Structures are given as C-alpha cells and as structure tokens.
C-alpha cells in the first residue's frame, strides 16, 4: 500500500468525520462525544485519506450497531513502544452496541470474517475491519478490539509519532484535497449496489458531492430497482462479494438487458484475484475499484466511466 504522508491535525480530522456522519447518527437520539483532555491540536505525520477511511469505517460501524446511546471518540498520547518508536497517538471509538464474543475479538480483523453477533442477512461480508487493519499496519501501528464493561465494543488503534521513518511517496502539492482534483459539475444519479455496512460508508464518502446517491442493499434489490428506474441512473457502483448474489452475475444481467446495458458499471471489491478483475471487464465493467479506496478514487472512476460512454 502506497502512503501519501503529510502533517495532519487529528482533532480536525475527527471533527470532520463526525460532521460527515451527522445524518447517520442524529436519528434515534444517538450522540457522539470527543474526549481529548482539552488539547487543541494533535499534529502527526500520516496519510490523511487512509486515516480518515479508518475513522470513517469505525464510526459507521459504531453508529450502525448503537441503536440508542453514546459513541465516544478518545484521542490521547500513547506512551508505550510501538515497533522501534517509543511513543505514539492513540484513538479509540467506543459504542453501546451488541459487542463481540471474546473468542472472536481478534478474528474480526481478518478478511471475510464477521462476528456472530453482528451478522445479519443484509450485513457486510467482513472486509471493513480487515481494511482498517491493513491501513494501520502500513503506518507501522496497531489496532485491536475489546468489549466494554457494560455493553458495546471499543476499537483502538495507535500510530507511532514518526517524522522520517515512513517514506513520502508524493509531495504535498499533489495532495490538496480530493474535491479540487477533479472538475465535475454535472449533477447525476449514482446507484450503489452493495451490502448494508458498505453502503453506509460509501454514502458518507459521497456526502456533499455533486451526485445524488441511491443505495440498494444486495444484488437482487439493486437489479429490481434498475428494472424500474434505469432511465434515471447515470452510473452504477457494484460490489463483487454480496450475501445474496454474486456481483458478476448481477453485472451479466445488467449488460445483457437492453434497457440498462448502456449504464457504466464500476465494479468494486477487496479481492486480490486478478482473474476476477479480468472477468469484470469481460462482462462489460467500465472500471474496477480495489478496496480500500477513498473519495478521490471514486471521483476518478466516475470521470473515467463518463468519458468512456
């Protein structure tokens, strides 16, 4: 994983993530609180987009599994050794949800693994925490989960306070905020066909974009929606690994249907199987996004797909 390392204030990032997720948590009386011991700023060297992706993913999970109650984000100095570095920054997100059985706490960070307590017919397939784990490890940090004493779960990650240990692959000039990199003004309708957890994360990333986002939890519902509303959809985001239907089967149905085959389909997945990527393009995909990705990756894929129509 290539990291774009810049200096970032984690307090600002956390407040931005809370604001992004506002529409998701204000319902049903849920509250989010930041505990930072009145520290005004926490500037560290990290990949801003990747760390935002971790916090976004953890926050969306906490919101999803906390029907009512409080979600607490804590940020403080970590005074223990992390690899070859003696101190770091610790961030934890604690919820009041269903929790995770003790024997599954480590496994939830493995790809395609879900807790038995959080599995639902519409749930994700267990890539979110695995992606978070990959990003934190790339920062030479650590991430773990533990159950709260009363209820819910707390996920914590630490990042070493390093200056030059991680190579900078790009300059700050190239990293000026993804909303400025592309010039997309035409409002359009995007249909996202994915599992429920992934839909929430995708909705958050597309918040305040120049697109109307329509979501469908699962391949069958997504295809049914297209059958009735294909004329208003400009671009489709389709995940490969869904609970109810294999993404390539959905793609085949879309591309062999005369009323919807003209719509560009961007396939997304956490798979590292190149044969799956090849099949997606053979079936008619306009682009392929490999998870983890950020908002800028999404906008690039949209622009590429629009230009190829």
Protein backbone atom coordinates (compact mmCIF):
# COMPACT_ATOMS: atom_id res chain seq x y z
CA UNK A 1 0.00 0.00 0.00
CA UNK A 2 1.42 3.38 -1.01
CA UNK A 3 1.02 6.10 1.61
CA UNK A 4 0.87 9.83 0.98
CA UNK A 5 2.40 11.23 4.17
CA UNK A 6 1.59 14.79 5.23
CA UNK A 7 1.29 16.57 8.57
CA UNK A 8 -2.31 16.48 9.81
CA UNK A 9 -4.19 17.63 12.89
CA UNK A 10 -6.12 14.61 14.17
CA UNK A 11 -8.57 16.80 16.11
CA UNK A 12 -9.62 18.44 12.84
CA UNK A 13 -9.88 15.08 11.08
CA UNK A 14 -12.06 13.61 13.83
CA UNK A 15 -14.39 16.62 13.81
CA UNK A 16 -14.67 16.36 10.02
CA UNK A 17 -15.61 12.69 10.28
CA UNK A 18 -18.26 13.42 12.92
CA UNK A 19 -19.74 16.14 10.71
CA UNK A 20 -19.69 13.76 7.70
CA UNK A 21 -21.61 11.13 9.65
CA UNK A 22 -24.06 13.59 11.19
CA UNK A 23 -27.02 12.45 9.11
CA UNK A 24 -26.44 8.86 10.21
CA UNK A 25 -26.24 9.35 13.97
CA UNK A 26 -28.65 12.17 14.81
CA UNK A 27 -31.60 9.82 14.41
CA UNK A 28 -32.93 7.88 17.42
CA UNK A 29 -31.15 10.05 19.98
CA UNK A 30 -27.59 8.85 19.36
CA UNK A 31 -24.78 11.14 20.50
CA UNK A 32 -21.08 11.38 19.62
CA UNK A 33 -18.53 12.83 22.01
CA UNK A 34 -14.80 13.55 21.60
CA UNK A 35 -12.57 13.11 24.65
CA UNK A 36 -9.23 14.84 24.14
CA UNK A 37 -8.38 16.32 27.57
CA UNK A 38 -8.89 19.84 26.17
CA UNK A 39 -5.88 19.52 23.86
CA UNK A 40 -6.38 21.96 20.97
CA UNK A 41 -4.43 20.07 18.32
CA UNK A 42 -2.69 16.74 17.67
CA UNK A 43 -0.44 17.10 14.63
CA UNK A 44 1.07 13.87 13.31
CA UNK A 45 2.56 12.59 10.06
CA UNK A 46 0.15 10.21 8.35
CA UNK A 47 -1.78 9.52 5.16
CA UNK A 48 -4.78 11.78 5.69
CA UNK A 49 -7.18 9.95 3.36
CA UNK A 50 -6.30 6.50 4.69
CA UNK A 51 -6.62 7.51 8.36
CA UNK A 52 -9.90 9.25 7.57
CA UNK A 53 -11.00 5.99 5.96
CA UNK A 54 -10.22 4.07 9.17
CA UNK A 55 -12.06 6.53 11.41
CA UNK A 56 -15.00 6.69 8.98
CA UNK A 57 -15.28 2.90 8.88
CA UNK A 58 -15.09 2.51 12.66
CA UNK A 59 -17.53 5.36 13.21
CA UNK A 60 -20.07 4.00 10.72
CA UNK A 61 -19.86 0.57 12.40
CA UNK A 62 -20.38 2.14 15.83
CA UNK A 63 -23.39 4.11 14.58
CA UNK A 64 -24.89 1.07 12.87
CA UNK A 65 -24.74 -1.15 15.96
CA UNK A 66 -25.73 1.52 18.51
CA UNK A 67 -29.48 1.87 18.21
CA UNK A 68 -29.59 4.39 21.06
CA UNK A 69 -26.88 5.75 23.31
CA UNK A 70 -23.48 7.39 23.11
CA UNK A 71 -20.44 6.87 20.91
CA UNK A 72 -17.19 8.16 22.39
CA UNK A 73 -14.08 9.04 20.38
CA UNK A 74 -10.97 9.30 22.56
CA UNK A 75 -7.62 10.71 21.47
CA UNK A 76 -4.54 10.79 23.67
CA UNK A 77 -0.82 10.17 23.77
CA UNK A 78 0.35 6.54 23.77
CA UNK A 79 3.41 6.21 25.99
CA UNK A 80 4.37 2.65 25.13
CA UNK A 81 6.72 1.33 22.48
CA UNK A 82 5.33 0.69 19.00
CA UNK A 83 7.88 -1.19 16.92
CA UNK A 84 11.06 0.87 17.08
CA UNK A 85 9.26 4.03 18.25
CA UNK A 86 8.81 4.85 21.93
CA UNK A 87 5.51 6.75 21.79
CA UNK A 88 2.52 7.35 19.60
CA UNK A 89 -1.02 8.63 19.26
CA UNK A 90 -3.98 6.54 20.41
CA UNK A 91 -7.51 6.85 19.04
CA UNK A 92 -10.41 4.73 20.25
CA UNK A 93 -14.07 4.58 19.23
CA UNK A 94 -16.40 3.12 21.83
CA UNK A 95 -20.06 2.28 21.24
CA UNK A 96 -23.02 0.93 23.20
CA UNK A 97 -23.96 -1.75 20.70
CA UNK A 98 -24.15 -5.55 20.87
CA UNK A 99 -20.46 -6.21 21.46
CA UNK A 100 -18.43 -9.18 20.18
CA UNK A 101 -17.83 -12.58 21.84
CA UNK A 102 -14.37 -12.67 23.46
CA UNK A 103 -13.18 -15.56 21.29
CA UNK A 104 -13.93 -13.54 18.12
CA UNK A 105 -12.22 -10.25 19.01
CA UNK A 106 -9.02 -10.98 17.10
CA UNK A 107 -10.69 -12.72 14.16
CA UNK A 108 -12.83 -9.71 13.18
CA UNK A 109 -9.72 -8.07 11.71
CA UNK A 110 -9.32 -10.92 9.22
CA UNK A 111 -10.79 -10.55 5.73
CA UNK A 112 -14.27 -12.04 5.15
CA UNK A 113 -14.82 -12.55 8.90
CA UNK A 114 -17.78 -11.22 10.87
CA UNK A 115 -18.82 -11.56 14.47
CA UNK A 116 -21.69 -13.97 15.03
CA UNK A 117 -23.39 -11.18 16.99
CA UNK A 118 -23.29 -8.68 14.12
CA UNK A 119 -24.16 -10.98 11.22
CA UNK A 120 -27.45 -10.23 9.54
CA UNK A 121 -28.96 -11.20 6.25
CA UNK A 122 -28.14 -7.74 4.92
CA UNK A 123 -24.82 -7.26 6.65
CA UNK A 124 -21.39 -6.88 5.10
CA UNK A 125 -19.01 -9.73 4.38
CA UNK A 126 -16.32 -8.67 6.82
CA UNK A 127 -13.89 -6.52 4.84
CA UNK A 128 -14.19 -3.23 6.75
CA UNK A 129 -12.06 -4.04 9.80
CA UNK A 130 -9.59 -6.02 7.68
CA UNK A 131 -9.04 -2.91 5.56
CA UNK A 132 -8.60 -0.79 8.70
CA UNK A 133 -6.05 -3.31 9.94
CA UNK A 134 -4.13 -3.10 6.66
CA UNK A 135 -4.03 0.71 6.75
CA UNK A 136 -2.86 0.90 10.36
CA UNK A 137 -0.17 -1.72 9.77
CA UNK A 138 1.04 0.29 6.77
CA UNK A 139 1.51 3.18 9.22
CA UNK A 140 3.54 0.77 11.43
CA UNK A 141 0.78 0.95 14.03
CA UNK A 142 -1.51 -1.49 15.84
CA UNK A 143 -5.29 -1.96 16.06
CA UNK A 144 -7.39 -4.10 18.39
CA UNK A 145 -10.91 -4.51 19.78
CA UNK A 146 -12.21 -5.12 23.29
CA UNK A 147 -15.63 -5.30 24.89
CA UNK A 148 -16.72 -2.55 27.25
CA UNK A 149 -17.52 -3.50 30.85
CA UNK A 150 -21.19 -2.58 30.50
CA UNK A 151 -22.10 -3.02 26.83
CA UNK A 152 -20.73 -2.40 23.38
CA UNK A 153 -17.24 -2.56 21.97
CA UNK A 154 -14.21 -0.30 21.86
CA UNK A 155 -11.87 -0.39 18.86
CA UNK A 156 -8.49 1.24 19.41
CA UNK A 157 -5.61 1.99 17.09
CA UNK A 158 -2.22 3.57 17.76
CA UNK A 159 0.10 5.25 15.29
CA UNK A 160 3.77 5.90 16.11
CA UNK A 161 4.79 9.55 16.25
CA UNK A 162 7.33 9.35 13.46
CA UNK A 163 8.90 12.02 11.29
CA UNK A 164 11.01 10.43 8.60
CA UNK A 165 10.63 6.70 9.18
CA UNK A 166 7.83 6.36 6.60
CA UNK A 167 8.86 7.39 3.08
CA UNK A 168 6.90 10.19 1.44
CA UNK A 169 5.78 8.93 -1.97
CA UNK A 170 4.15 12.14 -3.18
CA UNK A 171 4.55 15.83 -2.39
CA UNK A 172 2.01 17.92 -0.52
CA UNK A 173 1.27 19.76 -3.79
CA UNK A 174 -0.43 16.64 -5.16
CA UNK A 175 -2.48 16.23 -2.01
CA UNK A 176 -4.63 19.35 -1.89
CA UNK A 177 -7.99 17.77 -1.12
CA UNK A 178 -9.84 15.43 -3.43
CA UNK A 179 -12.67 17.85 -4.13
CA UNK A 180 -10.26 20.10 -6.08
CA UNK A 181 -8.52 17.45 -8.14
CA UNK A 182 -11.47 16.84 -10.42
CA UNK A 183 -13.76 19.33 -12.05
CA UNK A 184 -17.10 17.56 -12.08
CA UNK A 185 -20.13 19.85 -12.14
CA UNK A 186 -22.91 17.85 -13.76
CA UNK A 187 -25.32 16.53 -11.18
CA UNK A 188 -26.10 12.87 -11.78
CA UNK A 189 -27.66 9.85 -10.12
CA UNK A 190 -25.42 7.09 -8.81
CA UNK A 191 -26.80 3.69 -7.82
CA UNK A 192 -24.67 1.80 -5.30
CA UNK A 193 -25.33 -1.94 -5.06
CA UNK A 194 -23.52 -3.38 -2.07
CA UNK A 195 -24.03 -4.83 1.40
CA UNK A 196 -25.62 -2.66 4.06
CA UNK A 197 -22.49 -1.75 6.07
CA UNK A 198 -20.54 -0.82 2.94
CA UNK A 199 -23.45 1.30 1.71
CA UNK A 200 -23.29 3.50 4.80
CA UNK A 201 -19.56 4.06 4.37
CA UNK A 202 -19.98 4.85 0.68
CA UNK A 203 -22.83 7.26 1.39
CA UNK A 204 -20.64 9.13 3.87
CA UNK A 205 -17.80 9.43 1.34
CA UNK A 206 -20.17 10.79 -1.31
CA UNK A 207 -21.82 13.26 1.07
CA UNK A 208 -21.65 16.83 -0.32
CA UNK A 209 -20.53 15.52 -3.72
CA UNK A 210 -22.10 16.61 -6.99
CA UNK A 211 -24.15 13.43 -7.20
CA UNK A 212 -27.43 12.12 -5.91
CA UNK A 213 -26.71 8.77 -4.26
CA UNK A 214 -29.24 5.94 -4.41
CA UNK A 215 -28.41 2.79 -2.46
CA UNK A 216 -29.58 -0.80 -2.70
CA UNK A 217 -28.62 -3.43 -0.12
CA UNK A 218 -27.87 -6.50 -2.21
CA UNK A 219 -27.76 -7.62 -5.83
CA UNK A 220 -31.39 -8.72 -6.18
CA UNK A 221 -32.84 -5.46 -4.86
CA UNK A 222 -30.39 -3.49 -6.97
CA UNK A 223 -31.38 -5.24 -10.19
CA UNK A 224 -35.08 -4.93 -9.34
CA UNK A 225 -34.62 -1.18 -8.81
CA UNK A 226 -32.81 -0.86 -12.15
CA UNK A 227 -35.60 -2.74 -13.92
CA UNK A 228 -37.99 0.06 -12.95
CA UNK A 229 -35.71 3.13 -12.89
CA UNK A 230 -32.88 2.51 -15.37
CA UNK A 231 -33.68 5.72 -17.24
CA UNK A 232 -32.64 7.95 -14.30
CA UNK A 233 -29.38 6.17 -13.37
CA UNK A 234 -26.11 7.57 -14.77
CA UNK A 235 -23.54 5.30 -13.11
CA UNK A 236 -23.65 2.06 -11.09
CA UNK A 237 -21.22 1.02 -8.35
CA UNK A 238 -21.41 -2.75 -7.94
CA UNK A 239 -19.65 -4.87 -5.32
CA UNK A 240 -18.48 -8.38 -6.21
CA UNK A 241 -18.96 -10.10 -2.86
CA UNK A 242 -22.51 -9.72 -1.56
CA UNK A 243 -24.50 -12.03 0.67
CA UNK A 244 -27.47 -12.58 -1.63
CA UNK A 245 -25.93 -12.56 -5.11
CA UNK A 246 -22.51 -12.73 -6.76
CA UNK A 247 -21.60 -9.37 -8.26
CA UNK A 248 -20.51 -10.76 -11.64
CA UNK A 249 -23.91 -12.43 -12.00
CA UNK A 250 -25.56 -9.05 -11.41
CA UNK A 251 -23.18 -7.43 -13.90
CA UNK A 252 -24.03 -10.05 -16.54
CA UNK A 253 -27.76 -9.44 -16.04
CA UNK A 254 -27.26 -5.69 -16.37
CA UNK A 255 -25.13 -5.90 -19.51
CA UNK A 256 -27.48 -8.34 -21.27
CA UNK A 257 -30.58 -6.28 -20.53
CA UNK A 258 -31.40 -3.81 -23.33
CA UNK A 259 -32.94 -1.19 -21.02
CA UNK A 260 -29.90 -0.87 -18.74
CA UNK A 261 -26.81 -2.19 -20.55
CA UNK A 262 -25.80 1.35 -21.60
CA UNK A 263 -25.19 2.39 -17.97
CA UNK A 264 -21.48 2.38 -16.95
CA UNK A 265 -20.82 -0.10 -14.13
CA UNK A 266 -17.87 0.43 -11.79
CA UNK A 267 -17.09 -2.84 -10.05
CA UNK A 268 -15.57 -2.66 -6.57
CA UNK A 269 -14.08 -5.36 -4.39
CA UNK A 270 -11.40 -6.21 -1.85
CA UNK A 271 -10.35 -9.24 -3.89
CA UNK A 272 -6.74 -9.66 -4.97
CA UNK A 273 -7.69 -12.27 -7.56
CA UNK A 274 -6.72 -10.79 -10.93
CA UNK A 275 -8.96 -13.29 -12.72
CA UNK A 276 -11.97 -11.63 -11.07
CA UNK A 277 -10.84 -8.26 -12.39
CA UNK A 278 -10.42 -9.71 -15.87
CA UNK A 279 -13.89 -11.28 -15.76
CA UNK A 280 -15.43 -7.98 -14.66
CA UNK A 281 -14.05 -6.20 -17.72
CA UNK A 282 -15.04 -9.10 -19.99
CA UNK A 283 -18.60 -8.81 -18.66
CA UNK A 284 -18.67 -5.10 -19.51
CA UNK A 285 -17.43 -3.20 -16.43
CA UNK A 286 -16.21 0.32 -17.23
CA UNK A 287 -13.73 0.36 -14.34
CA UNK A 288 -12.61 -1.62 -11.31
CA UNK A 289 -12.01 -0.14 -7.85
CA UNK A 290 -9.99 -2.22 -5.42
CA UNK A 291 -10.73 -1.69 -1.74
CA UNK A 292 -9.55 0.23 0.22
CA UNK A 293 -10.23 3.37 -1.78
CA UNK A 294 -11.02 6.99 -0.97
CA UNK A 295 -13.29 9.69 -2.32
CA UNK A 296 -10.74 10.81 -4.88
CA UNK A 297 -10.50 7.26 -6.28
CA UNK A 298 -14.29 7.25 -6.63
CA UNK A 299 -14.34 10.57 -8.48
CA UNK A 300 -11.59 9.44 -10.85
CA UNK A 301 -13.53 6.25 -11.64
CA UNK A 302 -16.68 8.28 -12.28
CA UNK A 303 -14.91 10.67 -14.63
CA UNK A 304 -13.26 7.78 -16.50
CA UNK A 305 -16.58 5.97 -16.87
CA UNK A 306 -18.39 9.08 -18.08
CA UNK A 307 -15.71 9.71 -20.70
CA UNK A 308 -15.97 6.14 -21.96
CA UNK A 309 -19.73 6.27 -22.57
